[in-house]
């Protein structure tokens, strides 16, 4: 996927979280992570989503993954 297209996809996910449509955001993130399981951006957004859903343990796990993958970008 081209960087611009990927950026638009991440913006859509952010907007979806902002609208509090957490179920749809989770679907979009699952699809993104299936395509690119090492994406720090996707793991970061998953952490944000988990945070807003009150899932502190999964938030920490997702953010740790995001940080661990930053050396790949």
C-alpha atoms as a PDB file:
ATOM      1  CA  UNK A   1       0.000   0.000   0.000  1.00  0.00           C
ATOM      2  CA  UNK A   2       1.349   3.434  -0.881  1.00  0.00           C
ATOM      3  CA  UNK A   3       2.318   5.694   2.011  1.00  0.00           C
ATOM      4  CA  UNK A   4      -0.399   8.256   1.179  1.00  0.00           C
ATOM      5  CA  UNK A   5      -3.071   5.584   1.037  1.00  0.00           C
ATOM      6  CA  UNK A   6      -1.837   4.096   4.298  1.00  0.00           C
ATOM      7  CA  UNK A   7      -1.867   7.560   5.867  1.00  0.00           C
ATOM      8  CA  UNK A   8      -5.461   8.029   4.770  1.00  0.00           C
ATOM      9  CA  UNK A   9      -6.350   4.662   6.271  1.00  0.00           C
ATOM     10  CA  UNK A  10      -4.785   5.634   9.603  1.00  0.00           C
ATOM     11  CA  UNK A  11      -6.629   8.962   9.503  1.00  0.00           C
ATOM     12  CA  UNK A  12      -9.900   7.095   8.958  1.00  0.00           C
ATOM     13  CA  UNK A  13      -9.142   4.917  11.991  1.00  0.00           C
ATOM     14  CA  UNK A  14      -8.341   7.998  14.095  1.00  0.00           C
ATOM     15  CA  UNK A  15     -11.544   9.698  12.962  1.00  0.00           C
ATOM     16  CA  UNK A  16     -13.540   6.569  13.757  1.00  0.00           C
ATOM     17  CA  UNK A  17     -12.085   6.447  17.271  1.00  0.00           C
ATOM     18  CA  UNK A  18     -12.862  10.157  17.617  1.00  0.00           C
ATOM     19  CA  UNK A  19     -16.498   9.458  16.760  1.00  0.00           C
ATOM     20  CA  UNK A  20     -16.458   6.768  19.453  1.00  0.00           C
ATOM     21  CA  UNK A  21     -17.331   4.095  16.905  1.00  0.00           C
ATOM     22  CA  UNK A  22     -15.045   1.675  18.671  1.00  0.00           C
ATOM     23  CA  UNK A  23     -16.428  -1.471  17.044  1.00  0.00           C
ATOM     24  CA  UNK A  24     -15.724  -0.107  13.554  1.00  0.00           C
ATOM     25  CA  UNK A  25     -12.292   1.149  14.599  1.00  0.00           C
ATOM     26  CA  UNK A  26     -11.476  -2.333  15.919  1.00  0.00           C
ATOM     27  CA  UNK A  27     -12.516  -3.845  12.575  1.00  0.00           C
ATOM     28  CA  UNK A  28     -10.350  -1.396  10.636  1.00  0.00           C
ATOM     29  CA  UNK A  29      -7.378  -2.020  12.914  1.00  0.00           C
ATOM     30  CA  UNK A  30      -7.762  -5.783  12.688  1.00  0.00           C
ATOM     31  CA  UNK A  31      -7.718  -5.543   8.890  1.00  0.00           C
ATOM     32  CA  UNK A  32      -4.664  -3.252   8.959  1.00  0.00           C
ATOM     33  CA  UNK A  33      -2.781  -5.527  11.347  1.00  0.00           C
ATOM     34  CA  UNK A  34      -3.617  -8.557   9.228  1.00  0.00           C
ATOM     35  CA  UNK A  35      -1.954  -6.829   6.266  1.00  0.00           C
ATOM     36  CA  UNK A  36       0.952  -5.436   8.284  1.00  0.00           C
ATOM     37  CA  UNK A  37       1.375  -7.077  11.705  1.00  0.00           C
ATOM     38  CA  UNK A  38       4.606  -5.152  12.387  1.00  0.00           C
ATOM     39  CA  UNK A  39       3.064  -1.702  11.910  1.00  0.00           C
ATOM     40  CA  UNK A  40       3.972   0.570  14.822  1.00  0.00           C
ATOM     41  CA  UNK A  41       1.230   3.008  13.785  1.00  0.00           C
ATOM     42  CA  UNK A  42      -1.454   0.329  13.860  1.00  0.00           C
ATOM     43  CA  UNK A  43      -0.310  -0.947  17.247  1.00  0.00           C
ATOM     44  CA  UNK A  44      -0.239   2.620  18.572  1.00  0.00           C
ATOM     45  CA  UNK A  45      -3.808   3.247  17.381  1.00  0.00           C
ATOM     46  CA  UNK A  46      -4.878  -0.076  18.854  1.00  0.00           C
ATOM     47  CA  UNK A  47      -3.437   1.118  22.146  1.00  0.00           C
ATOM     48  CA  UNK A  48      -5.398   4.362  21.855  1.00  0.00           C
ATOM     49  CA  UNK A  49      -8.569   2.425  21.100  1.00  0.00           C
ATOM     50  CA  UNK A  50      -7.992   0.098  24.042  1.00  0.00           C
ATOM     51  CA  UNK A  51      -7.427   3.103  26.300  1.00  0.00           C
ATOM     52  CA  UNK A  52     -10.729   4.711  25.321  1.00  0.00           C
ATOM     53  CA  UNK A  53     -12.453   1.400  25.901  1.00  0.00           C
ATOM     54  CA  UNK A  54     -10.976   1.253  29.400  1.00  0.00           C
ATOM     55  CA  UNK A  55      -8.785  -1.772  28.655  1.00  0.00           C
ATOM     56  CA  UNK A  56      -5.608  -0.766  30.443  1.00  0.00           C
ATOM     57  CA  UNK A  57      -3.710  -4.081  30.138  1.00  0.00           C
ATOM     58  CA  UNK A  58      -4.259  -4.323  26.365  1.00  0.00           C
ATOM     59  CA  UNK A  59      -3.408  -0.616  26.053  1.00  0.00           C
ATOM     60  CA  UNK A  60       0.012  -1.203  27.596  1.00  0.00           C
ATOM     61  CA  UNK A  61       0.583  -4.309  25.470  1.00  0.00           C
ATOM     62  CA  UNK A  62      -0.274  -2.499  22.236  1.00  0.00           C
ATOM     63  CA  UNK A  63       1.875   0.509  23.071  1.00  0.00           C
ATOM     64  CA  UNK A  64       4.811  -1.748  23.952  1.00  0.00           C
ATOM     65  CA  UNK A  65       4.444  -3.445  20.570  1.00  0.00           C
ATOM     66  CA  UNK A  66       4.327  -0.055  18.842  1.00  0.00           C
ATOM     67  CA  UNK A  67       7.573   0.981  20.499  1.00  0.00           C
ATOM     68  CA  UNK A  68       9.259  -2.347  19.810  1.00  0.00           C
ATOM     69  CA  UNK A  69       8.528  -2.054  16.081  1.00  0.00           C
ATOM     70  CA  UNK A  70       9.783   1.507  15.653  1.00  0.00           C
ATOM     71  CA  UNK A  71      13.234   0.229  14.695  1.00  0.00           C
ATOM     72  CA  UNK A  72      11.644  -1.350  11.599  1.00  0.00           C
ATOM     73  CA  UNK A  73      10.461   1.914  10.057  1.00  0.00           C
END
